[in-house]
Amino acid sequence: MKFIRRKLPKIILILLLSSIFLYEMNSEAHKISAMHDRKDEIKEEIEVLEMELSRLEDYYALLNTPEFAERNAREKLGMVRTNEIIYYINTDESLGLTKSSSPKNFLLDNLDNNSIHE
């Protein structure tokens, strides 16, 4: 009995310290697991950003080509090469045609409305 009374406080202290140690180890394991998950997310984000960077570098290289400059000059500024003639063709929409009317009916209707009366 004397032996148990002397050793009991030491045993309780050891059990208490062991449980605290195990709790802290478990908590740190969860933190490490969360950090690994975050690391994987960041790696995926880096891959996406590298692909976007590659796409933008390709686009930038395209912007610096003579073909792109000519295309922009033609489409946005309406420029043409020397000795070049541009023809514009009226479409049905620009003539005011509806789905139910045909070009023939459109011309006949406009002839009747715009005819010269003597």
C-alpha atoms as a PDB file:
ATOM      1  CA  MET A   1       0.000   0.000   0.000  1.00  0.00           C
ATOM      2  CA  LYS A   2       2.813   2.319   0.791  1.00  0.00           C
ATOM      3  CA  PHE A   3       4.299   1.598  -2.613  1.00  0.00           C
ATOM      4  CA  ILE A   4       1.050   2.539  -4.383  1.00  0.00           C
ATOM      5  CA  ARG A   5       0.705   5.787  -2.425  1.00  0.00           C
ATOM      6  CA  ARG A   6       4.227   6.865  -3.352  1.00  0.00           C
ATOM      7  CA  LYS A   7       3.969   5.890  -7.028  1.00  0.00           C
ATOM      8  CA  LEU A   8       0.362   6.972  -7.699  1.00  0.00           C
ATOM      9  CA  PRO A   9       1.105  10.700  -8.228  1.00  0.00           C
ATOM     10  CA  LYS A  10       3.910   9.790 -10.639  1.00  0.00           C
ATOM     11  CA  ILE A  11       1.663   7.393 -12.559  1.00  0.00           C
ATOM     12  CA  ILE A  12      -1.113  10.011 -12.805  1.00  0.00           C
ATOM     13  CA  LEU A  13       1.384  12.615 -13.980  1.00  0.00           C
ATOM     14  CA  ILE A  14       2.768  10.242 -16.621  1.00  0.00           C
ATOM     15  CA  LEU A  15      -0.751   9.375 -17.838  1.00  0.00           C
ATOM     16  CA  LEU A  16      -1.709  13.040 -17.954  1.00  0.00           C
ATOM     17  CA  LEU A  17       1.437  14.016 -19.881  1.00  0.00           C
ATOM     18  CA  SER A  18       0.969  11.057 -22.251  1.00  0.00           C
ATOM     19  CA  SER A  19      -2.633  12.037 -23.019  1.00  0.00           C
ATOM     20  CA  ILE A  20      -1.604  15.658 -23.647  1.00  0.00           C
ATOM     21  CA  PHE A  21       1.210  14.456 -25.906  1.00  0.00           C
ATOM     22  CA  LEU A  22      -1.143  12.174 -27.885  1.00  0.00           C
ATOM     23  CA  TYR A  23      -3.727  14.960 -28.230  1.00  0.00           C
ATOM     24  CA  GLU A  24      -1.086  17.360 -29.565  1.00  0.00           C
ATOM     25  CA  MET A  25       0.256  14.734 -31.985  1.00  0.00           C
ATOM     26  CA  ASN A  26      -3.252  14.127 -33.326  1.00  0.00           C
ATOM     27  CA  SER A  27      -3.843  17.877 -33.698  1.00  0.00           C
ATOM     28  CA  GLU A  28      -0.552  18.307 -35.558  1.00  0.00           C
ATOM     29  CA  ALA A  29      -1.410  15.365 -37.829  1.00  0.00           C
ATOM     30  CA  HIS A  30      -4.649  17.114 -38.813  1.00  0.00           C
ATOM     31  CA  LYS A  31      -2.767  20.346 -39.498  1.00  0.00           C
ATOM     32  CA  ILE A  32      -0.236  18.503 -41.654  1.00  0.00           C
ATOM     33  CA  SER A  33      -3.031  16.787 -43.571  1.00  0.00           C
ATOM     34  CA  ALA A  34      -4.732  20.134 -44.199  1.00  0.00           C
ATOM     35  CA  MET A  35      -1.435  21.599 -45.390  1.00  0.00           C
ATOM     36  CA  HIS A  36      -0.955  18.720 -47.834  1.00  0.00           C
ATOM     37  CA  ASP A  37      -4.462  19.302 -49.202  1.00  0.00           C
ATOM     38  CA  ARG A  38      -3.753  23.014 -49.604  1.00  0.00           C
ATOM     39  CA  LYS A  39      -0.444  22.190 -51.297  1.00  0.00           C
ATOM     40  CA  ASP A  40      -2.289  20.007 -53.833  1.00  0.00           C
ATOM     41  CA  GLU A  41      -4.813  22.795 -54.499  1.00  0.00           C
ATOM     42  CA  ILE A  42      -2.000  25.285 -55.063  1.00  0.00           C
ATOM     43  CA  LYS A  43      -0.256  22.879 -57.454  1.00  0.00           C
ATOM     44  CA  GLU A  44      -3.459  22.574 -59.506  1.00  0.00           C
ATOM     45  CA  GLU A  45      -3.842  26.354 -59.526  1.00  0.00           C
ATOM     46  CA  ILE A  46      -0.241  26.721 -60.703  1.00  0.00           C
ATOM     47  CA  GLU A  47      -0.899  24.297 -63.568  1.00  0.00           C
ATOM     48  CA  VAL A  48      -3.983  26.282 -64.644  1.00  0.00           C
ATOM     49  CA  LEU A  49      -2.063  29.556 -64.468  1.00  0.00           C
ATOM     50  CA  GLU A  50       0.849  28.092 -66.452  1.00  0.00           C
ATOM     51  CA  MET A  51      -1.560  26.991 -69.190  1.00  0.00           C
ATOM     52  CA  GLU A  52      -3.113  30.479 -69.226  1.00  0.00           C
ATOM     53  CA  LEU A  53       0.345  32.038 -69.392  1.00  0.00           C
ATOM     54  CA  SER A  54       1.243  29.795 -72.316  1.00  0.00           C
ATOM     55  CA  ARG A  55      -1.965  30.765 -74.116  1.00  0.00           C
ATOM     56  CA  LEU A  56      -1.297  34.454 -73.543  1.00  0.00           C
ATOM     57  CA  GLU A  57       2.302  34.122 -74.743  1.00  0.00           C
ATOM     58  CA  ASP A  58       1.058  32.471 -77.941  1.00  0.00           C
ATOM     59  CA  TYR A  59      -1.499  35.247 -78.407  1.00  0.00           C
ATOM     60  CA  TYR A  60       1.154  37.911 -77.817  1.00  0.00           C
ATOM     61  CA  ALA A  61       3.387  36.242 -80.413  1.00  0.00           C
ATOM     62  CA  LEU A  62       0.447  36.319 -82.856  1.00  0.00           C
ATOM     63  CA  LEU A  63      -0.101  40.023 -82.191  1.00  0.00           C
ATOM     64  CA  ASN A  64       3.421  40.798 -83.339  1.00  0.00           C
ATOM     65  CA  THR A  65       3.063  39.179 -86.769  1.00  0.00           C
ATOM     66  CA  PRO A  66       2.640  41.166 -90.002  1.00  0.00           C
ATOM     67  CA  GLU A  67      -0.411  39.057 -90.907  1.00  0.00           C
ATOM     68  CA  PHE A  68      -2.206  40.145 -87.737  1.00  0.00           C
ATOM     69  CA  ALA A  69      -1.353  43.799 -88.336  1.00  0.00           C
ATOM     70  CA  GLU A  70      -2.691  43.578 -91.904  1.00  0.00           C
ATOM     71  CA  ARG A  71      -5.875  41.837 -90.764  1.00  0.00           C
ATOM     72  CA  ASN A  72      -6.539  44.513 -88.145  1.00  0.00           C
ATOM     73  CA  ALA A  73      -5.840  47.283 -90.651  1.00  0.00           C
ATOM     74  CA  ARG A  74      -8.325  45.728 -93.081  1.00  0.00           C
ATOM     75  CA  GLU A  75     -11.091  44.852 -90.595  1.00  0.00           C
ATOM     76  CA  LYS A  76     -10.964  47.715 -88.102  1.00  0.00           C
ATOM     77  CA  LEU A  77      -9.580  50.585 -90.155  1.00  0.00           C
ATOM     78  CA  GLY A  78     -10.982  49.633 -93.572  1.00  0.00           C
ATOM     79  CA  MET A  79      -7.566  49.869 -95.224  1.00  0.00           C
ATOM     80  CA  VAL A  80      -6.815  48.167 -98.547  1.00  0.00           C
ATOM     81  CA  ARG A  81      -3.734  47.383-100.548  1.00  0.00           C
ATOM     82  CA  THR A  82      -2.870  49.476-103.564  1.00  0.00           C
ATOM     83  CA  ASN A  83      -4.745  48.465-106.728  1.00  0.00           C
ATOM     84  CA  GLU A  84      -7.310  46.621-104.635  1.00  0.00           C
ATOM     85  CA  ILE A  85     -11.047  47.185-105.005  1.00  0.00           C
ATOM     86  CA  ILE A  86     -13.588  46.326-102.329  1.00  0.00           C
ATOM     87  CA  TYR A  87     -17.120  45.339-103.280  1.00  0.00           C
ATOM     88  CA  TYR A  88     -19.933  45.534-100.761  1.00  0.00           C
ATOM     89  CA  ILE A  89     -22.924  43.285-101.332  1.00  0.00           C
ATOM     90  CA  ASN A  90     -26.300  44.166 -99.860  1.00  0.00           C
ATOM     91  CA  THR A  91     -27.866  41.362 -97.920  1.00  0.00           C
ATOM     92  CA  ASP A  92     -31.579  40.718 -97.448  1.00  0.00           C
ATOM     93  CA  GLU A  93     -31.459  42.476 -94.071  1.00  0.00           C
ATOM     94  CA  SER A  94     -29.974  45.647 -95.514  1.00  0.00           C
ATOM     95  CA  LEU A  95     -32.723  45.737 -98.160  1.00  0.00           C
ATOM     96  CA  GLY A  96     -35.414  45.509 -95.505  1.00  0.00           C
ATOM     97  CA  LEU A  97     -36.719  42.122 -96.549  1.00  0.00           C
ATOM     98  CA  THR A  98     -38.684  40.048 -94.111  1.00  0.00           C
ATOM     99  CA  LYS A  99     -38.809  36.303 -93.994  1.00  0.00           C
ATOM    100  CA  SER A 100     -42.179  36.283 -95.735  1.00  0.00           C
ATOM    101  CA  SER A 101     -41.143  38.531 -98.607  1.00  0.00           C
ATOM    102  CA  SER A 102     -38.914  37.574-101.471  1.00  0.00           C
ATOM    103  CA  PRO A 103     -36.602  39.848-103.476  1.00  0.00           C
ATOM    104  CA  LYS A 104     -39.070  39.703-106.386  1.00  0.00           C
ATOM    105  CA  ASN A 105     -42.006  40.851-104.233  1.00  0.00           C
ATOM    106  CA  PHE A 106     -39.834  43.534-102.647  1.00  0.00           C
ATOM    107  CA  LEU A 107     -38.953  45.012-106.042  1.00  0.00           C
ATOM    108  CA  LEU A 108     -42.568  44.885-107.237  1.00  0.00           C
ATOM    109  CA  ASP A 109     -43.834  46.515-104.048  1.00  0.00           C
ATOM    110  CA  ASN A 110     -41.272  49.291-104.287  1.00  0.00           C
ATOM    111  CA  LEU A 111     -41.993  49.879-107.985  1.00  0.00           C
ATOM    112  CA  ASP A 112     -45.668  50.357-107.198  1.00  0.00           C
ATOM    113  CA  ASN A 113     -44.950  52.712-104.296  1.00  0.00           C
ATOM    114  CA  ASN A 114     -42.242  54.746-106.041  1.00  0.00           C
ATOM    115  CA  SER A 115     -43.612  54.786-109.547  1.00  0.00           C
ATOM    116  CA  ILE A 116     -43.852  58.106-111.344  1.00  0.00           C
ATOM    117  CA  HIS A 117     -47.417  59.283-111.724  1.00  0.00           C
ATOM    118  CA  GLU A 118     -48.175  61.373-114.790  1.00  0.00           C
END
